Protein backbone atom coordinates (compact mmCIF):
# COMPACT_ATOMS: atom_id res chain seq x y z
CA UNK A 1 91.71 -65.72 -19.28
CA UNK A 2 91.04 -63.44 -16.13
CA UNK A 3 91.92 -60.30 -18.22
CA UNK A 4 89.34 -61.26 -20.97
CA UNK A 5 86.64 -61.97 -18.33
CA UNK A 6 87.57 -58.64 -16.38
CA UNK A 7 87.47 -56.73 -19.93
CA UNK A 8 84.30 -58.35 -20.70
CA UNK A 9 82.52 -57.48 -17.38
CA UNK A 10 83.97 -53.74 -17.74
CA UNK A 11 82.57 -53.46 -21.40
CA UNK A 12 79.30 -54.83 -20.58
CA UNK A 13 78.77 -52.31 -17.60
CA UNK A 14 79.72 -49.61 -19.81
CA UNK A 15 77.40 -50.50 -22.48
CA UNK A 16 74.47 -50.81 -20.13
CA UNK A 17 75.16 -47.41 -18.40
CA UNK A 18 75.40 -45.50 -21.77
CA UNK A 19 72.25 -45.56 -23.45
CA UNK A 20 71.71 -44.36 -27.04
CA UNK A 21 69.55 -41.45 -27.74
CA UNK A 22 65.97 -42.76 -27.40
CA UNK A 23 63.83 -43.08 -30.73
CA UNK A 24 61.36 -40.46 -31.43
CA UNK A 25 58.61 -42.88 -30.44
CA UNK A 26 59.93 -43.13 -27.01
CA UNK A 27 59.12 -39.19 -26.55
CA UNK A 28 55.45 -39.77 -27.66
CA UNK A 29 54.38 -39.67 -24.04
CA UNK A 30 54.85 -35.87 -24.18
CA UNK A 31 52.37 -35.27 -27.10
CA UNK A 32 49.09 -33.77 -26.40
CA UNK A 33 47.17 -30.87 -24.88
CA UNK A 34 47.99 -30.00 -21.43
CA UNK A 35 46.45 -27.54 -18.79
CA UNK A 36 47.21 -25.94 -15.37
CA UNK A 37 44.44 -23.80 -13.72
CA UNK A 38 45.56 -22.50 -10.51
CA UNK A 39 45.22 -19.26 -8.58
CA UNK A 40 43.69 -17.33 -11.57
CA UNK A 41 46.40 -18.33 -13.96
CA UNK A 42 45.85 -20.65 -16.89
CA UNK A 43 48.81 -22.39 -18.39
CA UNK A 44 48.27 -24.37 -21.73
CA UNK A 45 50.98 -26.40 -23.34
CA UNK A 46 50.55 -28.70 -26.55
CA UNK A 47 52.86 -30.88 -27.97
CA UNK A 48 52.45 -32.27 -31.38
CA UNK A 49 54.36 -35.42 -32.86
CA UNK A 50 56.76 -36.97 -32.84
CA UNK A 51 57.00 -37.12 -36.53
CA UNK A 52 60.14 -37.05 -38.61
CA UNK A 53 62.43 -36.88 -35.45
CA UNK A 54 60.68 -33.71 -34.32
CA UNK A 55 58.14 -32.68 -31.70
CA UNK A 56 56.58 -29.23 -31.78
CA UNK A 57 55.21 -27.35 -28.71
CA UNK A 58 53.41 -24.30 -27.79
CA UNK A 59 52.83 -22.76 -24.29
CA UNK A 60 50.35 -19.88 -23.56
CA UNK A 61 49.98 -18.49 -19.93
CA UNK A 62 47.36 -15.97 -18.99
CA UNK A 63 45.22 -14.69 -16.05
CA UNK A 64 41.87 -15.92 -16.06
CA UNK A 65 40.72 -12.48 -15.77
CA UNK A 66 42.29 -11.68 -18.78
CA UNK A 67 43.67 -8.29 -17.39
CA UNK A 68 47.31 -9.07 -17.94
CA UNK A 69 49.27 -9.62 -21.05
CA UNK A 70 49.82 -13.17 -22.29
CA UNK A 71 53.13 -15.05 -21.87
CA UNK A 72 53.91 -17.33 -24.69
CA UNK A 73 56.68 -19.70 -26.01
CA UNK A 74 57.48 -21.61 -29.01
CA UNK A 75 59.17 -25.02 -28.32
CA UNK A 76 60.48 -27.81 -30.28
CA UNK A 77 62.40 -31.11 -29.63
CA UNK A 78 64.40 -32.09 -32.66
CA UNK A 79 67.22 -34.83 -33.33
CA UNK A 80 70.63 -33.49 -33.48
CA UNK A 81 72.95 -35.96 -34.64
CA UNK A 82 73.20 -38.85 -32.11
CA UNK A 83 70.99 -36.84 -29.60
CA UNK A 84 67.93 -34.68 -29.03
CA UNK A 85 67.87 -31.01 -28.31
CA UNK A 86 64.99 -28.88 -26.83
CA UNK A 87 64.62 -25.58 -28.26
CA UNK A 88 62.91 -22.85 -26.24
CA UNK A 89 61.87 -19.57 -27.72
CA UNK A 90 59.96 -17.26 -25.13
CA UNK A 91 58.12 -14.31 -26.61
CA UNK A 92 59.72 -15.43 -30.00
CA UNK A 93 63.24 -14.63 -28.87
CA UNK A 94 66.05 -16.44 -30.54
CA UNK A 95 65.57 -20.02 -29.72
CA UNK A 96 67.86 -21.38 -26.81
CA UNK A 97 69.35 -25.11 -27.12
CA UNK A 98 68.97 -27.58 -24.07
CA UNK A 99 70.67 -31.13 -24.82
CA UNK A 100 68.81 -34.35 -23.53
CA UNK A 101 70.89 -35.61 -20.71
CA UNK A 102 68.70 -37.98 -19.23
CA UNK A 103 65.81 -40.32 -20.63
CA UNK A 104 63.91 -42.88 -19.10
CA UNK A 105 60.28 -44.01 -20.05
CA UNK A 106 58.24 -41.13 -19.23
CA UNK A 107 60.81 -38.76 -18.21
CA UNK A 108 63.11 -36.56 -20.18
CA UNK A 109 65.80 -33.82 -18.59
CA UNK A 110 67.46 -31.31 -21.02
CA UNK A 111 70.31 -29.10 -19.87
CA UNK A 112 72.39 -26.06 -20.90
CA UNK A 113 75.12 -25.54 -18.46
CA UNK A 114 76.13 -22.18 -20.04
CA UNK A 115 72.81 -20.56 -18.96
CA UNK A 116 71.94 -19.29 -15.49
CA UNK A 117 68.15 -19.51 -15.76
CA UNK A 118 66.93 -21.98 -16.72
CA UNK A 119 69.77 -24.49 -16.58
CA UNK A 120 67.77 -27.59 -16.72
CA UNK A 121 64.20 -28.32 -18.10
CA UNK A 122 62.50 -31.56 -17.03
CA UNK A 123 59.28 -33.30 -18.16
CA UNK A 124 57.88 -36.44 -16.73
CA UNK A 125 54.50 -38.25 -16.54
CA UNK A 126 52.89 -39.32 -13.26
CA UNK A 127 49.82 -41.18 -14.40
CA UNK A 128 47.72 -39.27 -16.81
CA UNK A 129 49.26 -36.03 -15.67
CA UNK A 130 52.37 -34.16 -17.26
CA UNK A 131 54.82 -32.40 -15.06
CA UNK A 132 57.42 -29.91 -15.88
CA UNK A 133 60.17 -28.04 -14.03
CA UNK A 134 62.54 -25.61 -14.87
CA UNK A 135 65.82 -25.12 -12.73
CA UNK A 136 68.79 -22.64 -12.53
CA UNK A 137 70.53 -19.91 -10.73
CA UNK A 138 69.07 -16.21 -10.32
CA UNK A 139 71.27 -13.81 -8.37
CA UNK A 140 73.53 -16.51 -7.11
CA UNK A 141 70.38 -18.28 -5.56
CA UNK A 142 68.93 -21.57 -6.87
CA UNK A 143 65.56 -20.97 -8.23
CA UNK A 144 63.03 -23.69 -9.76
CA UNK A 145 59.39 -23.46 -10.92
CA UNK A 146 57.13 -26.48 -11.52
CA UNK A 147 53.96 -27.07 -13.44
CA UNK A 148 51.38 -29.70 -12.86
CA UNK A 149 49.54 -30.33 -16.20
CA UNK A 150 46.21 -32.32 -16.34
CA UNK A 151 45.08 -33.44 -19.79
CA UNK A 152 42.94 -30.99 -21.75
CA UNK A 153 42.68 -27.31 -22.72
CA UNK A 154 42.08 -23.80 -21.24
CA UNK A 155 38.26 -24.54 -21.98
CA UNK A 156 38.34 -27.22 -19.13
CA UNK A 157 39.43 -24.44 -16.69
CA UNK A 158 36.63 -23.24 -14.36
């Protein structure tokens, strides 16, 4: 009897700690038009979906003066088997996969431990805003960059 109770407790603990991949609708908080206007730089990120187990994204970064070349990226988050994969394609390069490793309401973390930079890509909501962070290693140093997006487009930047 004690063995059965102990086995039940262990099984219940494991079941609650291992969460299945979220449904597509649980990633809907990422969808929308997002912008960051800071220090003469304008960053826009737009996410469409989720529909059909996919979210599509695009990012465009420019200097407000328009003097520098734009940086851009194609993005997608798609179901792959039992999980989700974030595919990043900066400047149209071959897409790089990052697997969903953490998901809570309003937060998603993707990782690819085989890469040096970035190794992790995180998105989370703080109220109406969307925050994003990339982390990794460059020349044996931990490096990160963070964006604080507000709802809207570059047209909203002054």
